[in-house]
Amino acid sequence: MFRKWIGAVIAPVFLLLSAAVFAQSDAPKREMITELQVDPAHIPAFEEHLKAMFDMAKEAGYPHDTYVAQWRNLYYLVTPIGQYADLDKVFAARGMVWEEGGDAFQDHYNGMQTSLLDSRSWLSRYAEEVSYKPAAGGSPADGDVFMEIDSFSFKLGHWDEVEDMLADVKAIYEELEIPYAYDVYYEGIGMQGNQVTFISYAPDAATMAQRNAEIEAMMKDHAGWMDLLERYFKIAKSSTTMHGIQRRDLTLIADRADQ
């Protein structure tokens, strides 16, 4: 979405996606994200073990949804939570599944582990107040499963300016009546984070490219947008862009939600 204007590099970024369906819901907008780097030669086995573990978790009454997205050999498991303190509930429920599943579950877990090259987890917060939701659509609710993820890192100590810029981006989109949605996520936890991620949606890569061209044409020579870019460059550190696909076939939707 924004890479044409700021020269973002297309490369893997530490956040792929927050659960897009979750972002549309009324649930608390916080989440735990786990990134799994899978050995490309073992992707079929990894998916088989993950699906089996999710099926067993659901049978055991695991109460937390877990959304899955993929970018090449990177898989992202996103678990919506309420408050950050509710992580204890998530870990307790996973311990219950481990015990209930017995040897069969642990065999699948070990098989999945042997497919991995690396993994890590972090927390994120959905920023609904600066996300853009036009009535025209262009969101996961419309069935768009292809995602473009633009991540921006800022110098510390400028969070007020970042929030002002995010509000101004949304205002310009509303002024121009751009018909495509985007979601915003804060990736810093504490008094001041310094990472902001935009996620926009389309049915496929070709449609995403077409929509980007439309947005670029609408933004061209817009005085407010050009001013915003100047403000951005003064406090920017880096930016990255990548793409991903929602894997609804692997996603776990719990029968009982407690998030």
Protein backbone atom coordinates (compact mmCIF):
# COMPACT_ATOMS: atom_id res chain seq x y z
CA MET A 1 0.00 0.00 0.00
CA PHE A 2 2.60 2.57 1.06
CA ARG A 3 5.77 1.08 -0.38
CA LYS A 4 5.54 3.05 -3.65
CA TRP A 5 5.88 6.24 -1.66
CA ILE A 6 8.58 5.40 0.85
CA GLY A 7 10.67 2.77 -0.90
CA ALA A 8 9.92 -0.11 1.46
CA VAL A 9 11.87 -3.29 0.76
CA ILE A 10 9.91 -6.47 0.08
CA ALA A 11 11.27 -8.83 2.71
CA PRO A 12 10.07 -10.94 5.63
CA VAL A 13 9.13 -8.81 8.64
CA PHE A 14 8.71 -10.00 12.19
CA LEU A 15 4.96 -9.48 12.05
CA LEU A 16 2.87 -11.11 9.39
CA LEU A 17 -0.61 -10.77 10.37
CA SER A 18 -2.98 -10.46 13.08
CA ALA A 19 -6.03 -12.57 12.64
CA ALA A 20 -7.99 -10.69 10.04
CA VAL A 21 -11.33 -12.21 10.99
CA PHE A 22 -10.52 -11.38 14.61
CA ALA A 23 -9.85 -7.79 13.60
CA GLN A 24 -13.41 -7.55 12.30
CA SER A 25 -14.99 -8.86 15.51
CA ASP A 26 -15.99 -7.23 18.79
CA ALA A 27 -13.43 -9.29 20.72
CA PRO A 28 -10.62 -7.63 22.70
CA LYS A 29 -8.00 -6.57 20.17
CA ARG A 30 -4.87 -8.15 21.61
CA GLU A 31 -3.09 -11.27 20.47
CA MET A 32 -0.15 -13.57 20.85
CA ILE A 33 1.69 -14.35 17.62
CA THR A 34 4.02 -17.30 17.06
CA GLU A 35 6.24 -17.38 13.99
CA LEU A 36 7.35 -20.83 12.85
CA GLN A 37 10.08 -21.16 10.23
CA VAL A 38 9.57 -24.54 8.59
CA ASP A 39 12.14 -26.58 6.68
CA PRO A 40 10.77 -26.36 3.10
CA ALA A 41 11.35 -30.08 2.63
CA HIS A 42 9.10 -30.83 5.60
CA ILE A 43 6.16 -28.50 4.93
CA PRO A 44 3.65 -31.31 4.14
CA ALA A 45 4.58 -33.16 7.33
CA PHE A 46 4.45 -29.96 9.37
CA GLU A 47 0.95 -29.13 8.16
CA GLU A 48 -0.21 -32.69 8.82
CA HIS A 49 1.06 -32.60 12.42
CA LEU A 50 -0.32 -29.10 13.05
CA LYS A 51 -3.77 -30.02 11.74
CA ALA A 52 -3.81 -33.17 13.87
CA MET A 53 -2.82 -31.20 16.97
CA PHE A 54 -5.55 -28.64 16.34
CA ASP A 55 -8.15 -31.38 15.81
CA MET A 56 -7.16 -33.00 19.10
CA ALA A 57 -7.16 -29.64 20.88
CA LYS A 58 -10.68 -28.94 19.68
CA GLU A 59 -11.85 -32.37 20.80
CA ALA A 60 -10.33 -31.70 24.23
CA GLY A 61 -12.29 -28.46 24.55
CA TYR A 62 -9.44 -26.01 23.96
CA PRO A 63 -11.28 -22.66 24.21
CA HIS A 64 -9.05 -20.32 22.20
CA ASP A 65 -9.19 -19.65 18.46
CA THR A 66 -5.86 -19.87 16.63
CA TYR A 67 -5.64 -18.30 13.17
CA VAL A 68 -2.95 -19.36 10.70
CA ALA A 69 -1.28 -17.45 7.87
CA GLN A 70 1.62 -18.42 5.62
CA TRP A 71 4.34 -16.63 3.71
CA ARG A 72 6.59 -19.09 1.86
CA ASN A 73 8.04 -21.30 4.61
CA LEU A 74 6.97 -18.99 7.46
CA TYR A 75 3.79 -19.86 9.34
CA TYR A 76 2.10 -17.52 11.80
CA LEU A 77 -0.20 -18.74 14.55
CA VAL A 78 -2.29 -15.93 16.02
CA THR A 79 -4.20 -16.40 19.27
CA PRO A 80 -6.59 -13.58 20.25
CA ILE A 81 -6.60 -12.78 23.96
CA GLY A 82 -8.36 -10.28 26.19
CA GLN A 83 -5.91 -8.53 28.45
CA TYR A 84 -2.24 -9.46 28.39
CA ALA A 85 -2.74 -10.97 31.83
CA ASP A 86 -5.04 -13.54 30.19
CA LEU A 87 -2.01 -15.29 28.72
CA ASP A 88 -2.06 -17.49 31.82
CA LYS A 89 -5.42 -18.86 30.68
CA VAL A 90 -4.00 -19.69 27.26
CA PHE A 91 -1.00 -21.51 28.69
CA ALA A 92 -3.18 -23.38 31.20
CA ALA A 93 -5.50 -24.52 28.39
CA ARG A 94 -2.51 -25.71 26.33
CA GLY A 95 -1.27 -27.67 29.32
CA MET A 96 -4.68 -29.29 29.56
CA VAL A 97 -4.54 -30.33 25.89
CA TRP A 98 -1.04 -31.75 26.40
CA GLU A 99 -2.27 -33.94 29.26
CA GLU A 100 -5.55 -34.92 27.59
CA GLY A 101 -3.89 -35.75 24.28
CA GLY A 102 -1.39 -38.10 25.84
CA ASP A 103 1.18 -39.89 23.70
CA ALA A 104 -0.73 -39.30 20.44
CA PHE A 105 -0.68 -35.52 20.85
CA GLN A 106 2.93 -35.51 22.01
CA ASP A 107 3.96 -37.58 18.99
CA HIS A 108 2.43 -34.99 16.66
CA TYR A 109 4.08 -32.19 18.65
CA ASN A 110 7.48 -33.85 18.37
CA GLY A 111 6.93 -34.46 14.67
CA MET A 112 6.08 -30.79 14.16
CA GLN A 113 9.18 -29.74 16.11
CA THR A 114 11.45 -31.78 13.85
CA SER A 115 10.04 -29.83 10.87
CA LEU A 116 11.10 -26.45 12.31
CA LEU A 117 14.19 -24.38 11.68
CA ASP A 118 13.31 -21.64 14.18
CA SER A 119 10.42 -20.12 16.14
CA ARG A 120 9.56 -17.09 18.24
CA SER A 121 6.53 -15.41 19.81
CA TRP A 122 5.45 -11.85 20.66
CA LEU A 123 2.40 -9.77 21.56
CA SER A 124 0.50 -7.26 19.46
CA ARG A 125 -2.44 -4.86 19.80
CA TYR A 126 -4.99 -3.98 17.14
CA ALA A 127 -5.44 -0.20 16.76
CA GLU A 128 -9.07 0.07 15.74
CA GLU A 129 -9.17 3.85 16.20
CA VAL A 130 -6.73 4.46 13.34
CA SER A 131 -7.73 1.55 11.11
CA TYR A 132 -9.77 2.35 8.00
CA LYS A 133 -13.05 0.54 7.27
CA PRO A 134 -14.90 2.00 4.26
CA ALA A 135 -18.38 0.77 3.49
CA ALA A 136 -17.14 -0.26 0.03
CA GLY A 137 -15.25 -3.18 1.52
CA GLY A 138 -11.83 -4.54 0.66
CA SER A 139 -11.47 -6.51 3.87
CA PRO A 140 -11.37 -10.12 5.14
CA ALA A 141 -15.11 -9.89 5.73
CA ASP A 142 -15.46 -9.71 1.94
CA GLY A 143 -13.46 -12.90 1.50
CA ASP A 144 -10.15 -11.22 0.70
CA VAL A 145 -7.42 -13.62 1.85
CA PHE A 146 -4.33 -12.13 0.16
CA MET A 147 -2.55 -9.63 2.38
CA GLU A 148 0.02 -6.91 1.96
CA ILE A 149 1.82 -6.12 5.20
CA ASP A 150 3.67 -2.80 5.51
CA SER A 151 5.67 -2.42 8.71
CA PHE A 152 7.22 0.87 9.85
CA SER A 153 9.78 1.41 12.59
CA PHE A 154 10.18 4.84 14.18
CA LYS A 155 12.72 6.57 16.36
CA LEU A 156 11.91 6.29 20.05
CA GLY A 157 10.42 9.31 21.77
CA HIS A 158 8.10 10.31 18.91
CA TRP A 159 4.97 8.31 19.70
CA ASP A 160 2.68 11.36 19.83
CA GLU A 161 3.80 12.29 16.33
CA VAL A 162 3.25 8.72 15.13
CA GLU A 163 -0.31 8.72 16.46
CA ASP A 164 -0.98 12.09 14.80
CA MET A 165 0.30 10.76 11.47
CA LEU A 166 -1.84 7.63 11.71
CA ALA A 167 -4.92 9.79 12.32
CA ASP A 168 -3.97 11.97 9.35
CA VAL A 169 -3.55 8.95 7.05
CA LYS A 170 -7.05 7.80 7.94
CA ALA A 171 -8.44 11.31 7.43
CA ILE A 172 -6.91 11.53 3.94
CA TYR A 173 -8.33 8.12 3.00
CA GLU A 174 -11.75 9.28 4.19
CA GLU A 175 -11.45 12.59 2.32
CA LEU A 176 -10.56 10.82 -0.94
CA GLU A 177 -13.13 8.08 -0.28
CA ILE A 178 -10.61 5.36 -1.04
CA PRO A 179 -12.66 2.16 -1.17
CA TYR A 180 -10.10 -0.28 0.29
CA ALA A 181 -9.70 -1.08 3.98
CA TYR A 182 -6.56 -1.42 6.06
CA ASP A 183 -5.90 -2.52 9.63
CA VAL A 184 -3.26 -1.03 11.92
CA TYR A 185 -1.34 -2.88 14.65
CA TYR A 186 1.00 -1.60 17.35
CA GLU A 187 4.00 -3.86 17.84
CA GLY A 188 5.61 -2.17 20.86
CA ILE A 189 4.50 -3.07 24.36
CA GLY A 190 5.24 -0.58 27.11
CA MET A 191 4.95 3.16 27.44
CA GLN A 192 6.16 3.78 23.89
CA GLY A 193 6.32 1.28 21.08
CA ASN A 194 8.13 2.11 17.87
CA GLN A 195 6.65 -0.33 15.35
CA VAL A 196 3.41 0.12 13.40
CA THR A 197 2.07 -2.37 10.87
CA PHE A 198 -0.58 -1.78 8.17
CA ILE A 199 -2.37 -4.76 6.62
CA SER A 200 -4.43 -4.36 3.47
CA TYR A 201 -6.41 -7.07 1.69
CA ALA A 202 -7.33 -8.33 -1.75
CA PRO A 203 -8.55 -11.58 -3.33
CA ASP A 204 -5.16 -12.16 -5.01
CA ALA A 205 -1.82 -10.57 -5.90
CA ALA A 206 -2.98 -9.11 -9.22
CA THR A 207 -5.93 -7.36 -7.58
CA MET A 208 -3.65 -6.01 -4.86
CA ALA A 209 -1.34 -4.50 -7.48
CA GLN A 210 -4.31 -2.92 -9.25
CA ARG A 211 -5.63 -1.44 -6.01
CA ASN A 212 -2.18 -0.05 -5.14
CA ALA A 213 -2.05 1.68 -8.52
CA GLU A 214 -5.49 3.20 -7.92
CA ILE A 215 -4.45 4.48 -4.48
CA GLU A 216 -1.21 5.91 -5.87
CA ALA A 217 -3.13 7.82 -8.55
CA MET A 218 -5.57 9.21 -5.98
CA MET A 219 -2.75 10.29 -3.66
CA LYS A 220 -0.65 11.93 -6.37
CA ASP A 221 -0.04 15.61 -5.68
CA HIS A 222 -2.29 15.59 -2.60
CA ALA A 223 -0.78 18.34 -0.44
CA GLY A 224 -1.71 16.74 2.86
CA TRP A 225 -0.23 13.41 1.82
CA MET A 226 3.04 14.95 0.68
CA ASP A 227 3.30 16.86 3.97
CA LEU A 228 2.66 13.65 5.88
CA LEU A 229 5.49 11.92 4.03
CA GLU A 230 7.89 14.72 4.97
CA ARG A 231 6.90 14.31 8.62
CA TYR A 232 7.34 10.55 8.33
CA PHE A 233 10.90 10.74 6.98
CA LYS A 234 11.99 12.93 9.90
CA ILE A 235 11.29 10.20 12.47
CA ALA A 236 11.45 7.00 10.39
CA LYS A 237 14.00 4.26 11.03
CA SER A 238 13.08 1.52 8.56
CA SER A 239 10.21 -0.11 6.70
CA THR A 240 9.46 -3.49 5.18
CA THR A 241 6.73 -4.95 3.00
CA MET A 242 5.71 -8.54 2.52
CA HIS A 243 2.72 -10.61 1.47
CA GLY A 244 0.86 -13.52 2.97
CA ILE A 245 -2.14 -15.79 2.59
CA GLN A 246 -4.66 -16.65 5.26
CA ARG A 247 -4.71 -20.42 5.77
CA ARG A 248 -8.31 -20.96 6.75
CA ASP A 249 -7.89 -24.68 6.15
CA LEU A 250 -5.44 -24.83 9.07
CA THR A 251 -7.15 -22.34 11.36
CA LEU A 252 -8.57 -23.58 14.67
CA ILE A 253 -11.97 -22.14 15.62
CA ALA A 254 -12.83 -23.30 19.12
CA ASP A 255 -16.30 -24.59 19.96
CA ARG A 256 -16.13 -22.61 23.19
CA ALA A 257 -14.43 -19.20 23.10
CA ASP A 258 -13.02 -17.62 26.22
CA GLN A 259 -10.97 -14.72 24.96
